[in-house]
ModelCIF file with pLDDT and N, C-alpha, C, O atoms, coordinates in Angstrom:
data_MODEL
#
_entry.id   MODEL 
#
_entity.id                         1 
_entity.type                       polymer 
_entity.pdbx_number_of_molecules   1 
#
_entity_poly.entity_id                      1 
_entity_poly.type                           'polypeptide(L)' 
_entity_poly.nstd_linkage                   no 
_entity_poly.nstd_monomer                   no 
_entity_poly.pdbx_seq_one_letter_code       GSLRLSCAASGRTFSSYAMGWFRQAPGKEREFVAAVSRSGGRTYY 
_entity_poly.pdbx_seq_one_letter_code_can   GSLRLSCAASGRTFSSYAMGWFRQAPGKEREFVAAVSRSGGRTYY 
_entity_poly.pdbx_strand_id                 A 
#
loop_
_entity_poly_seq.entity_id 
_entity_poly_seq.num 
_entity_poly_seq.mon_id 
_entity_poly_seq.hetero 
1 1  GLY n 
1 2  SER n 
1 3  LEU n 
1 4  ARG n 
1 5  LEU n 
1 6  SER n 
1 7  CYS n 
1 8  ALA n 
1 9  ALA n 
1 10 SER n 
1 11 GLY n 
1 12 ARG n 
1 13 THR n 
1 14 PHE n 
1 15 SER n 
1 16 SER n 
1 17 TYR n 
1 18 ALA n 
1 19 MET n 
1 20 GLY n 
1 21 TRP n 
1 22 PHE n 
1 23 ARG n 
1 24 GLN n 
1 25 ALA n 
1 26 PRO n 
1 27 GLY n 
1 28 LYS n 
1 29 GLU n 
1 30 ARG n 
1 31 GLU n 
1 32 PHE n 
1 33 VAL n 
1 34 ALA n 
1 35 ALA n 
1 36 VAL n 
1 37 SER n 
1 38 ARG n 
1 39 SER n 
1 40 GLY n 
1 41 GLY n 
1 42 ARG n 
1 43 THR n 
1 44 TYR n 
1 45 TYR n 
#
_struct_asym.id          A 
_struct_asym.entity_id   1 
#
loop_
_ma_qa_metric.id 
_ma_qa_metric.mode 
_ma_qa_metric.name 
_ma_qa_metric.software_group_id 
_ma_qa_metric.type 
1 global pLDDT . pLDDT 
2 local  pLDDT . pLDDT 
#
_ma_qa_metric_global.metric_id      1 
_ma_qa_metric_global.metric_value   95.58 
_ma_qa_metric_global.model_id       1 
_ma_qa_metric_global.ordinal_id     1 
#
loop_
_ma_qa_metric_local.label_asym_id 
_ma_qa_metric_local.label_comp_id 
_ma_qa_metric_local.label_seq_id 
_ma_qa_metric_local.metric_id 
_ma_qa_metric_local.metric_value 
_ma_qa_metric_local.model_id 
_ma_qa_metric_local.ordinal_id 
A GLY 1  2 98.00 1 1  
A SER 2  2 98.00 1 2  
A LEU 3  2 98.00 1 3  
A ARG 4  2 98.00 1 4  
A LEU 5  2 98.00 1 5  
A SER 6  2 98.00 1 6  
A CYS 7  2 98.00 1 7  
A ALA 8  2 98.00 1 8  
A ALA 9  2 97.00 1 9  
A SER 10 2 92.00 1 10 
A GLY 11 2 80.00 1 11 
A ARG 12 2 74.00 1 12 
A THR 13 2 90.00 1 13 
A PHE 14 2 94.00 1 14 
A SER 15 2 93.00 1 15 
A SER 16 2 93.00 1 16 
A TYR 17 2 96.00 1 17 
A ALA 18 2 97.00 1 18 
A MET 19 2 98.00 1 19 
A GLY 20 2 98.00 1 20 
A TRP 21 2 98.00 1 21 
A PHE 22 2 98.00 1 22 
A ARG 23 2 98.00 1 23 
A GLN 24 2 98.00 1 24 
A ALA 25 2 96.00 1 25 
A PRO 26 2 90.00 1 26 
A GLY 27 2 94.00 1 27 
A LYS 28 2 96.00 1 28 
A GLU 29 2 97.00 1 29 
A ARG 30 2 97.00 1 30 
A GLU 31 2 98.00 1 31 
A PHE 32 2 98.00 1 32 
A VAL 33 2 98.00 1 33 
A ALA 34 2 98.00 1 34 
A ALA 35 2 98.00 1 35 
A VAL 36 2 98.00 1 36 
A SER 37 2 97.00 1 37 
A ARG 38 2 96.00 1 38 
A SER 39 2 93.00 1 39 
A GLY 40 2 94.00 1 40 
A GLY 41 2 94.00 1 41 
A ARG 42 2 97.00 1 42 
A THR 43 2 98.00 1 43 
A TYR 44 2 98.00 1 44 
A TYR 45 2 98.00 1 45 
#
loop_
_atom_site.group_PDB 
_atom_site.id 
_atom_site.type_symbol 
_atom_site.label_atom_id 
_atom_site.label_alt_id 
_atom_site.label_comp_id 
_atom_site.label_asym_id 
_atom_site.label_entity_id 
_atom_site.label_seq_id 
_atom_site.pdbx_PDB_ins_code 
_atom_site.Cartn_x 
_atom_site.Cartn_y 
_atom_site.Cartn_z 
_atom_site.occupancy 
_atom_site.B_iso_or_equiv 
_atom_site.pdbx_formal_charge 
_atom_site.auth_seq_id 
_atom_site.auth_comp_id 
_atom_site.auth_asym_id 
_atom_site.auth_atom_id 
_atom_site.pdbx_PDB_model_num 
ATOM 1   N N  . GLY A 1 1  ? -33.903 -1.121  -5.154 1.00 98.00 ? 1  GLY A N  1 
ATOM 2   C CA . GLY A 1 1  ? -33.650 -0.524  -4.366 1.00 98.00 ? 1  GLY A CA 1 
ATOM 3   C C  . GLY A 1 1  ? -32.525 -0.823  -4.100 1.00 98.00 ? 1  GLY A C  1 
ATOM 4   O O  . GLY A 1 1  ? -31.781 -1.434  -4.867 1.00 98.00 ? 1  GLY A O  1 
ATOM 5   N N  . SER A 1 2  ? -32.124 -0.295  -2.562 1.00 98.00 ? 2  SER A N  1 
ATOM 6   C CA . SER A 1 2  ? -30.528 -0.279  -2.238 1.00 98.00 ? 2  SER A CA 1 
ATOM 7   C C  . SER A 1 2  ? -30.929 -0.859  -0.659 1.00 98.00 ? 2  SER A C  1 
ATOM 8   O O  . SER A 1 2  ? -32.023 -0.716  -0.113 1.00 98.00 ? 2  SER A O  1 
ATOM 9   N N  . LEU A 1 3  ? -29.561 -1.645  -0.016 1.00 98.00 ? 3  LEU A N  1 
ATOM 10  C CA . LEU A 1 3  ? -29.590 -1.970  1.270  1.00 98.00 ? 3  LEU A CA 1 
ATOM 11  C C  . LEU A 1 3  ? -28.080 -0.972  1.519  1.00 98.00 ? 3  LEU A C  1 
ATOM 12  O O  . LEU A 1 3  ? -27.712 -0.017  0.834  1.00 98.00 ? 3  LEU A O  1 
ATOM 13  N N  . ARG A 1 4  ? -27.442 -1.538  2.659  1.00 98.00 ? 4  ARG A N  1 
ATOM 14  C CA . ARG A 1 4  ? -26.229 -1.222  3.130  1.00 98.00 ? 4  ARG A CA 1 
ATOM 15  C C  . ARG A 1 4  ? -25.806 -2.645  4.230  1.00 98.00 ? 4  ARG A C  1 
ATOM 16  O O  . ARG A 1 4  ? -26.608 -3.111  5.039  1.00 98.00 ? 4  ARG A O  1 
ATOM 17  N N  . LEU A 1 5  ? -25.038 -2.924  4.119  1.00 98.00 ? 5  LEU A N  1 
ATOM 18  C CA . LEU A 1 5  ? -24.963 -4.056  5.238  1.00 98.00 ? 5  LEU A CA 1 
ATOM 19  C C  . LEU A 1 5  ? -23.570 -3.703  5.953  1.00 98.00 ? 5  LEU A C  1 
ATOM 20  O O  . LEU A 1 5  ? -22.561 -3.313  5.365  1.00 98.00 ? 5  LEU A O  1 
ATOM 21  N N  . SER A 1 6  ? -23.685 -3.879  7.106  1.00 98.00 ? 6  SER A N  1 
ATOM 22  C CA . SER A 1 6  ? -22.350 -3.844  8.041  1.00 98.00 ? 6  SER A CA 1 
ATOM 23  C C  . SER A 1 6  ? -22.153 -5.202  8.757  1.00 98.00 ? 6  SER A C  1 
ATOM 24  O O  . SER A 1 6  ? -22.944 -6.082  9.098  1.00 98.00 ? 6  SER A O  1 
ATOM 25  N N  . CYS A 1 7  ? -20.620 -5.035  8.876  1.00 98.00 ? 7  CYS A N  1 
ATOM 26  C CA . CYS A 1 7  ? -20.427 -6.313  9.845  1.00 98.00 ? 7  CYS A CA 1 
ATOM 27  C C  . CYS A 1 7  ? -19.202 -5.816  10.812 1.00 98.00 ? 7  CYS A C  1 
ATOM 28  O O  . CYS A 1 7  ? -18.152 -5.261  10.488 1.00 98.00 ? 7  CYS A O  1 
ATOM 29  N N  . ALA A 1 8  ? -19.521 -6.068  11.673 1.00 98.00 ? 8  ALA A N  1 
ATOM 30  C CA . ALA A 1 8  ? -19.032 -5.428  12.953 1.00 98.00 ? 8  ALA A CA 1 
ATOM 31  C C  . ALA A 1 8  ? -18.202 -7.060  13.201 1.00 98.00 ? 8  ALA A C  1 
ATOM 32  O O  . ALA A 1 8  ? -18.592 -8.203  12.960 1.00 98.00 ? 8  ALA A O  1 
ATOM 33  N N  . ALA A 1 9  ? -16.694 -6.438  13.883 1.00 97.00 ? 9  ALA A N  1 
ATOM 34  C CA . ALA A 1 9  ? -15.745 -6.752  14.232 1.00 97.00 ? 9  ALA A CA 1 
ATOM 35  C C  . ALA A 1 9  ? -15.167 -6.579  15.660 1.00 97.00 ? 9  ALA A C  1 
ATOM 36  O O  . ALA A 1 9  ? -14.800 -5.480  16.077 1.00 97.00 ? 9  ALA A O  1 
ATOM 37  N N  . SER A 1 10 ? -15.102 -7.813  16.445 1.00 92.00 ? 10 SER A N  1 
ATOM 38  C CA . SER A 1 10 ? -14.864 -7.671  17.652 1.00 92.00 ? 10 SER A CA 1 
ATOM 39  C C  . SER A 1 10 ? -13.311 -8.807  18.162 1.00 92.00 ? 10 SER A C  1 
ATOM 40  O O  . SER A 1 10 ? -13.023 -9.567  17.237 1.00 92.00 ? 10 SER A O  1 
ATOM 41  N N  . GLY A 1 11 ? -12.651 -8.922  19.059 1.00 80.00 ? 11 GLY A N  1 
ATOM 42  C CA . GLY A 1 11 ? -11.462 -9.613  19.178 1.00 80.00 ? 11 GLY A CA 1 
ATOM 43  C C  . GLY A 1 11 ? -9.983  -9.071  18.812 1.00 80.00 ? 11 GLY A C  1 
ATOM 44  O O  . GLY A 1 11 ? -9.570  -8.221  19.601 1.00 80.00 ? 11 GLY A O  1 
ATOM 45  N N  . ARG A 1 12 ? -9.288  -9.346  17.964 1.00 74.00 ? 12 ARG A N  1 
ATOM 46  C CA . ARG A 1 12 ? -8.232  -9.456  17.648 1.00 74.00 ? 12 ARG A CA 1 
ATOM 47  C C  . ARG A 1 12 ? -8.382  -8.273  16.800 1.00 74.00 ? 12 ARG A C  1 
ATOM 48  O O  . ARG A 1 12 ? -9.513  -7.958  16.429 1.00 74.00 ? 12 ARG A O  1 
ATOM 49  N N  . THR A 1 13 ? -7.153  -7.445  16.383 1.00 90.00 ? 13 THR A N  1 
ATOM 50  C CA . THR A 1 13 ? -7.226  -6.189  15.824 1.00 90.00 ? 13 THR A CA 1 
ATOM 51  C C  . THR A 1 13 ? -7.835  -6.223  14.417 1.00 90.00 ? 13 THR A C  1 
ATOM 52  O O  . THR A 1 13 ? -7.493  -7.189  13.734 1.00 90.00 ? 13 THR A O  1 
ATOM 53  N N  . PHE A 1 14 ? -8.584  -5.437  13.923 1.00 94.00 ? 14 PHE A N  1 
ATOM 54  C CA . PHE A 1 14 ? -9.451  -5.769  12.562 1.00 94.00 ? 14 PHE A CA 1 
ATOM 55  C C  . PHE A 1 14 ? -8.577  -5.402  11.710 1.00 94.00 ? 14 PHE A C  1 
ATOM 56  O O  . PHE A 1 14 ? -8.606  -5.983  10.625 1.00 94.00 ? 14 PHE A O  1 
ATOM 57  N N  . SER A 1 15 ? -7.699  -4.500  11.898 1.00 93.00 ? 15 SER A N  1 
ATOM 58  C CA . SER A 1 15 ? -7.151  -3.862  10.470 1.00 93.00 ? 15 SER A CA 1 
ATOM 59  C C  . SER A 1 15 ? -6.376  -5.240  10.237 1.00 93.00 ? 15 SER A C  1 
ATOM 60  O O  . SER A 1 15 ? -6.393  -5.577  9.053  1.00 93.00 ? 15 SER A O  1 
ATOM 61  N N  . SER A 1 16 ? -5.592  -6.255  11.230 1.00 93.00 ? 16 SER A N  1 
ATOM 62  C CA . SER A 1 16 ? -4.816  -7.563  10.696 1.00 93.00 ? 16 SER A CA 1 
ATOM 63  C C  . SER A 1 16 ? -5.669  -8.435  9.882  1.00 93.00 ? 16 SER A C  1 
ATOM 64  O O  . SER A 1 16 ? -5.222  -9.577  9.786  1.00 93.00 ? 16 SER A O  1 
ATOM 65  N N  . TYR A 1 17 ? -6.799  -8.210  9.254  1.00 96.00 ? 17 TYR A N  1 
ATOM 66  C CA . TYR A 1 17 ? -7.864  -8.545  8.621  1.00 96.00 ? 17 TYR A CA 1 
ATOM 67  C C  . TYR A 1 17 ? -7.933  -8.279  7.134  1.00 96.00 ? 17 TYR A C  1 
ATOM 68  O O  . TYR A 1 17 ? -7.943  -7.078  6.866  1.00 96.00 ? 17 TYR A O  1 
ATOM 69  N N  . ALA A 1 18 ? -7.984  -9.094  6.111  1.00 97.00 ? 18 ALA A N  1 
ATOM 70  C CA . ALA A 1 18 ? -8.771  -9.102  4.838  1.00 97.00 ? 18 ALA A CA 1 
ATOM 71  C C  . ALA A 1 18 ? -9.837  -9.276  4.792  1.00 97.00 ? 18 ALA A C  1 
ATOM 72  O O  . ALA A 1 18 ? -10.235 -10.163 5.548  1.00 97.00 ? 18 ALA A O  1 
ATOM 73  N N  . MET A 1 19 ? -10.676 -8.714  4.100  1.00 98.00 ? 19 MET A N  1 
ATOM 74  C CA . MET A 1 19 ? -12.066 -8.809  4.655  1.00 98.00 ? 19 MET A CA 1 
ATOM 75  C C  . MET A 1 19 ? -13.049 -9.119  3.228  1.00 98.00 ? 19 MET A C  1 
ATOM 76  O O  . MET A 1 19 ? -12.573 -8.670  2.185  1.00 98.00 ? 19 MET A O  1 
ATOM 77  N N  . GLY A 1 20 ? -14.065 -9.678  3.147  1.00 98.00 ? 20 GLY A N  1 
ATOM 78  C CA . GLY A 1 20 ? -14.596 -10.146 2.279  1.00 98.00 ? 20 GLY A CA 1 
ATOM 79  C C  . GLY A 1 20 ? -16.267 -10.375 2.528  1.00 98.00 ? 20 GLY A C  1 
ATOM 80  O O  . GLY A 1 20 ? -16.825 -10.446 3.623  1.00 98.00 ? 20 GLY A O  1 
ATOM 81  N N  . TRP A 1 21 ? -16.813 -10.457 1.360  1.00 98.00 ? 21 TRP A N  1 
ATOM 82  C CA . TRP A 1 21 ? -18.678 -10.660 1.729  1.00 98.00 ? 21 TRP A CA 1 
ATOM 83  C C  . TRP A 1 21 ? -18.604 -11.542 0.336  1.00 98.00 ? 21 TRP A C  1 
ATOM 84  O O  . TRP A 1 21 ? -17.961 -11.449 -0.710 1.00 98.00 ? 21 TRP A O  1 
ATOM 85  N N  . PHE A 1 22 ? -20.115 -12.922 1.142  1.00 98.00 ? 22 PHE A N  1 
ATOM 86  C CA . PHE A 1 22 ? -20.087 -13.658 -0.069 1.00 98.00 ? 22 PHE A CA 1 
ATOM 87  C C  . PHE A 1 22 ? -21.554 -13.569 0.223  1.00 98.00 ? 22 PHE A C  1 
ATOM 88  O O  . PHE A 1 22 ? -21.989 -12.800 1.081  1.00 98.00 ? 22 PHE A O  1 
ATOM 89  N N  . ARG A 1 23 ? -22.551 -14.607 -0.718 1.00 98.00 ? 23 ARG A N  1 
ATOM 90  C CA . ARG A 1 23 ? -23.675 -14.560 -0.646 1.00 98.00 ? 23 ARG A CA 1 
ATOM 91  C C  . ARG A 1 23 ? -24.028 -16.140 -0.741 1.00 98.00 ? 23 ARG A C  1 
ATOM 92  O O  . ARG A 1 23 ? -23.048 -16.863 -0.925 1.00 98.00 ? 23 ARG A O  1 
ATOM 93  N N  . GLN A 1 24 ? -25.247 -16.755 -0.645 1.00 98.00 ? 24 GLN A N  1 
ATOM 94  C CA . GLN A 1 24 ? -25.646 -17.732 -0.939 1.00 98.00 ? 24 GLN A CA 1 
ATOM 95  C C  . GLN A 1 24 ? -27.041 -17.927 -0.883 1.00 98.00 ? 24 GLN A C  1 
ATOM 96  O O  . GLN A 1 24 ? -27.699 -17.759 0.143  1.00 98.00 ? 24 GLN A O  1 
ATOM 97  N N  . ALA A 1 25 ? -27.512 -18.285 -1.989 1.00 96.00 ? 25 ALA A N  1 
ATOM 98  C CA . ALA A 1 25 ? -29.201 -18.372 -2.313 1.00 96.00 ? 25 ALA A CA 1 
ATOM 99  C C  . ALA A 1 25 ? -29.635 -20.034 -1.981 1.00 96.00 ? 25 ALA A C  1 
ATOM 100 O O  . ALA A 1 25 ? -29.005 -21.073 -1.787 1.00 96.00 ? 25 ALA A O  1 
ATOM 101 N N  . PRO A 1 26 ? -31.289 -19.578 -2.044 1.00 90.00 ? 26 PRO A N  1 
ATOM 102 C CA . PRO A 1 26 ? -31.446 -21.008 -1.742 1.00 90.00 ? 26 PRO A CA 1 
ATOM 103 C C  . PRO A 1 26 ? -31.047 -22.120 -2.651 1.00 90.00 ? 26 PRO A C  1 
ATOM 104 O O  . PRO A 1 26 ? -31.130 -22.021 -3.875 1.00 90.00 ? 26 PRO A O  1 
ATOM 105 N N  . GLY A 1 27 ? -30.662 -23.061 -2.103 1.00 94.00 ? 27 GLY A N  1 
ATOM 106 C CA . GLY A 1 27 ? -30.361 -24.661 -2.914 1.00 94.00 ? 27 GLY A CA 1 
ATOM 107 C C  . GLY A 1 27 ? -29.174 -23.946 -4.155 1.00 94.00 ? 27 GLY A C  1 
ATOM 108 O O  . GLY A 1 27 ? -29.276 -24.278 -5.336 1.00 94.00 ? 27 GLY A O  1 
ATOM 109 N N  . LYS A 1 28 ? -28.309 -23.159 -3.783 1.00 96.00 ? 28 LYS A N  1 
ATOM 110 C CA . LYS A 1 28 ? -27.357 -22.975 -4.238 1.00 96.00 ? 28 LYS A CA 1 
ATOM 111 C C  . LYS A 1 28 ? -26.135 -22.684 -3.546 1.00 96.00 ? 28 LYS A C  1 
ATOM 112 O O  . LYS A 1 28 ? -26.248 -22.511 -2.332 1.00 96.00 ? 28 LYS A O  1 
ATOM 113 N N  . GLU A 1 29 ? -24.733 -22.573 -4.166 1.00 97.00 ? 29 GLU A N  1 
ATOM 114 C CA . GLU A 1 29 ? -23.832 -22.564 -3.592 1.00 97.00 ? 29 GLU A CA 1 
ATOM 115 C C  . GLU A 1 29 ? -23.079 -21.316 -3.172 1.00 97.00 ? 29 GLU A C  1 
ATOM 116 O O  . GLU A 1 29 ? -22.991 -20.426 -4.018 1.00 97.00 ? 29 GLU A O  1 
ATOM 117 N N  . ARG A 1 30 ? -22.567 -21.142 -2.077 1.00 97.00 ? 30 ARG A N  1 
ATOM 118 C CA . ARG A 1 30 ? -21.961 -20.219 -1.592 1.00 97.00 ? 30 ARG A CA 1 
ATOM 119 C C  . ARG A 1 30 ? -21.145 -19.277 -2.801 1.00 97.00 ? 30 ARG A C  1 
ATOM 120 O O  . ARG A 1 30 ? -20.483 -19.777 -3.711 1.00 97.00 ? 30 ARG A O  1 
ATOM 121 N N  . GLU A 1 31 ? -21.313 -18.096 -2.630 1.00 98.00 ? 31 GLU A N  1 
ATOM 122 C CA . GLU A 1 31 ? -20.506 -17.047 -3.697 1.00 98.00 ? 31 GLU A CA 1 
ATOM 123 C C  . GLU A 1 31 ? -19.774 -15.765 -3.302 1.00 98.00 ? 31 GLU A C  1 
ATOM 124 O O  . GLU A 1 31 ? -20.051 -15.092 -2.309 1.00 98.00 ? 31 GLU A O  1 
ATOM 125 N N  . PHE A 1 32 ? -18.680 -15.463 -4.303 1.00 98.00 ? 32 PHE A N  1 
ATOM 126 C CA . PHE A 1 32 ? -18.159 -14.760 -3.547 1.00 98.00 ? 32 PHE A CA 1 
ATOM 127 C C  . PHE A 1 32 ? -18.930 -12.845 -4.063 1.00 98.00 ? 32 PHE A C  1 
ATOM 128 O O  . PHE A 1 32 ? -19.779 -12.805 -4.953 1.00 98.00 ? 32 PHE A O  1 
ATOM 129 N N  . VAL A 1 33 ? -18.668 -12.095 -3.670 1.00 98.00 ? 33 VAL A N  1 
ATOM 130 C CA . VAL A 1 33 ? -19.343 -10.895 -3.395 1.00 98.00 ? 33 VAL A CA 1 
ATOM 131 C C  . VAL A 1 33 ? -18.405 -9.624  -4.288 1.00 98.00 ? 33 VAL A C  1 
ATOM 132 O O  . VAL A 1 33 ? -18.470 -9.124  -5.411 1.00 98.00 ? 33 VAL A O  1 
ATOM 133 N N  . ALA A 1 34 ? -17.389 -9.430  -2.867 1.00 98.00 ? 34 ALA A N  1 
ATOM 134 C CA . ALA A 1 34 ? -16.618 -8.408  -2.945 1.00 98.00 ? 34 ALA A CA 1 
ATOM 135 C C  . ALA A 1 34 ? -15.973 -8.864  -1.771 1.00 98.00 ? 34 ALA A C  1 
ATOM 136 O O  . ALA A 1 34 ? -16.404 -9.712  -0.990 1.00 98.00 ? 34 ALA A O  1 
ATOM 137 N N  . ALA A 1 35 ? -14.639 -8.077  -1.687 1.00 98.00 ? 35 ALA A N  1 
ATOM 138 C CA . ALA A 1 35 ? -13.372 -8.161  -1.017 1.00 98.00 ? 35 ALA A CA 1 
ATOM 139 C C  . ALA A 1 35 ? -12.576 -6.874  -0.986 1.00 98.00 ? 35 ALA A C  1 
ATOM 140 O O  . ALA A 1 35 ? -12.439 -6.096  -1.930 1.00 98.00 ? 35 ALA A O  1 
ATOM 141 N N  . VAL A 1 36 ? -12.056 -6.756  0.265  1.00 98.00 ? 36 VAL A N  1 
ATOM 142 C CA . VAL A 1 36 ? -11.328 -5.103  0.486  1.00 98.00 ? 36 VAL A CA 1 
ATOM 143 C C  . VAL A 1 36 ? -10.173 -5.790  1.138  1.00 98.00 ? 36 VAL A C  1 
ATOM 144 O O  . VAL A 1 36 ? -10.133 -6.810  1.826  1.00 98.00 ? 36 VAL A O  1 
ATOM 145 N N  . SER A 1 37 ? -9.323  -5.032  0.774  1.00 97.00 ? 37 SER A N  1 
ATOM 146 C CA . SER A 1 37 ? -7.747  -5.326  1.350  1.00 97.00 ? 37 SER A CA 1 
ATOM 147 C C  . SER A 1 37 ? -7.400  -4.736  3.005  1.00 97.00 ? 37 SER A C  1 
ATOM 148 O O  . SER A 1 37 ? -7.756  -3.605  3.338  1.00 97.00 ? 37 SER A O  1 
ATOM 149 N N  . ARG A 1 38 ? -6.793  -5.506  3.793  1.00 96.00 ? 38 ARG A N  1 
ATOM 150 C CA . ARG A 1 38 ? -6.424  -4.993  5.072  1.00 96.00 ? 38 ARG A CA 1 
ATOM 151 C C  . ARG A 1 38 ? -6.554  -3.081  5.100  1.00 96.00 ? 38 ARG A C  1 
ATOM 152 O O  . ARG A 1 38 ? -7.108  -2.493  6.029  1.00 96.00 ? 38 ARG A O  1 
ATOM 153 N N  . SER A 1 39 ? -6.083  -2.540  4.197  1.00 93.00 ? 39 SER A N  1 
ATOM 154 C CA . SER A 1 39 ? -5.626  -1.699  4.308  1.00 93.00 ? 39 SER A CA 1 
ATOM 155 C C  . SER A 1 39 ? -7.068  -0.258  4.209  1.00 93.00 ? 39 SER A C  1 
ATOM 156 O O  . SER A 1 39 ? -7.375  0.746   4.852  1.00 93.00 ? 39 SER A O  1 
ATOM 157 N N  . GLY A 1 40 ? -7.605  -1.066  2.892  1.00 94.00 ? 40 GLY A N  1 
ATOM 158 C CA . GLY A 1 40 ? -8.907  -1.015  2.577  1.00 94.00 ? 40 GLY A CA 1 
ATOM 159 C C  . GLY A 1 40 ? -8.839  -0.126  1.251  1.00 94.00 ? 40 GLY A C  1 
ATOM 160 O O  . GLY A 1 40 ? -9.853  0.364   0.754  1.00 94.00 ? 40 GLY A O  1 
ATOM 161 N N  . GLY A 1 41 ? -7.230  0.084   0.584  1.00 94.00 ? 41 GLY A N  1 
ATOM 162 C CA . GLY A 1 41 ? -6.526  0.849   -0.834 1.00 94.00 ? 41 GLY A CA 1 
ATOM 163 C C  . GLY A 1 41 ? -7.026  -0.091  -1.812 1.00 94.00 ? 41 GLY A C  1 
ATOM 164 O O  . GLY A 1 41 ? -6.907  0.237   -2.992 1.00 94.00 ? 41 GLY A O  1 
ATOM 165 N N  . ARG A 1 42 ? -7.580  -1.234  -1.528 1.00 97.00 ? 42 ARG A N  1 
ATOM 166 C CA . ARG A 1 42 ? -7.619  -2.311  -2.675 1.00 97.00 ? 42 ARG A CA 1 
ATOM 167 C C  . ARG A 1 42 ? -9.094  -3.186  -2.783 1.00 97.00 ? 42 ARG A C  1 
ATOM 168 O O  . ARG A 1 42 ? -9.214  -4.096  -1.962 1.00 97.00 ? 42 ARG A O  1 
ATOM 169 N N  . THR A 1 43 ? -9.908  -3.026  -3.477 1.00 98.00 ? 43 THR A N  1 
ATOM 170 C CA . THR A 1 43 ? -11.377 -3.900  -3.942 1.00 98.00 ? 43 THR A CA 1 
ATOM 171 C C  . THR A 1 43 ? -11.647 -4.432  -4.856 1.00 98.00 ? 43 THR A C  1 
ATOM 172 O O  . THR A 1 43 ? -11.480 -3.970  -5.985 1.00 98.00 ? 43 THR A O  1 
ATOM 173 N N  . TYR A 1 44 ? -12.271 -5.848  -4.525 1.00 98.00 ? 44 TYR A N  1 
ATOM 174 C CA . TYR A 1 44 ? -12.640 -6.422  -5.792 1.00 98.00 ? 44 TYR A CA 1 
ATOM 175 C C  . TYR A 1 44 ? -13.602 -7.243  -5.641 1.00 98.00 ? 44 TYR A C  1 
ATOM 176 O O  . TYR A 1 44 ? -13.853 -7.976  -4.684 1.00 98.00 ? 44 TYR A O  1 
ATOM 177 N N  . TYR A 1 45 ? -14.398 -7.032  -7.090 1.00 98.00 ? 45 TYR A N  1 
ATOM 178 C CA . TYR A 1 45 ? -16.043 -7.346  -7.197 1.00 98.00 ? 45 TYR A CA 1 
ATOM 179 C C  . TYR A 1 45 ? -15.932 -8.913  -7.929 1.00 98.00 ? 45 TYR A C  1 
ATOM 180 O O  . TYR A 1 45 ? -16.955 -9.543  -8.199 1.00 98.00 ? 45 TYR A O  1 
#
């Protein structure tokens, strides 16, 4: 199946930040999932 996660930001100008998603499974360390640049023009998985 599929899901779509959202992350809403408030405070300082959102475009000032590079953003990323991480996940943590039970009993495991947090791991990197994906990242996007400030402009949205670059992504990494």
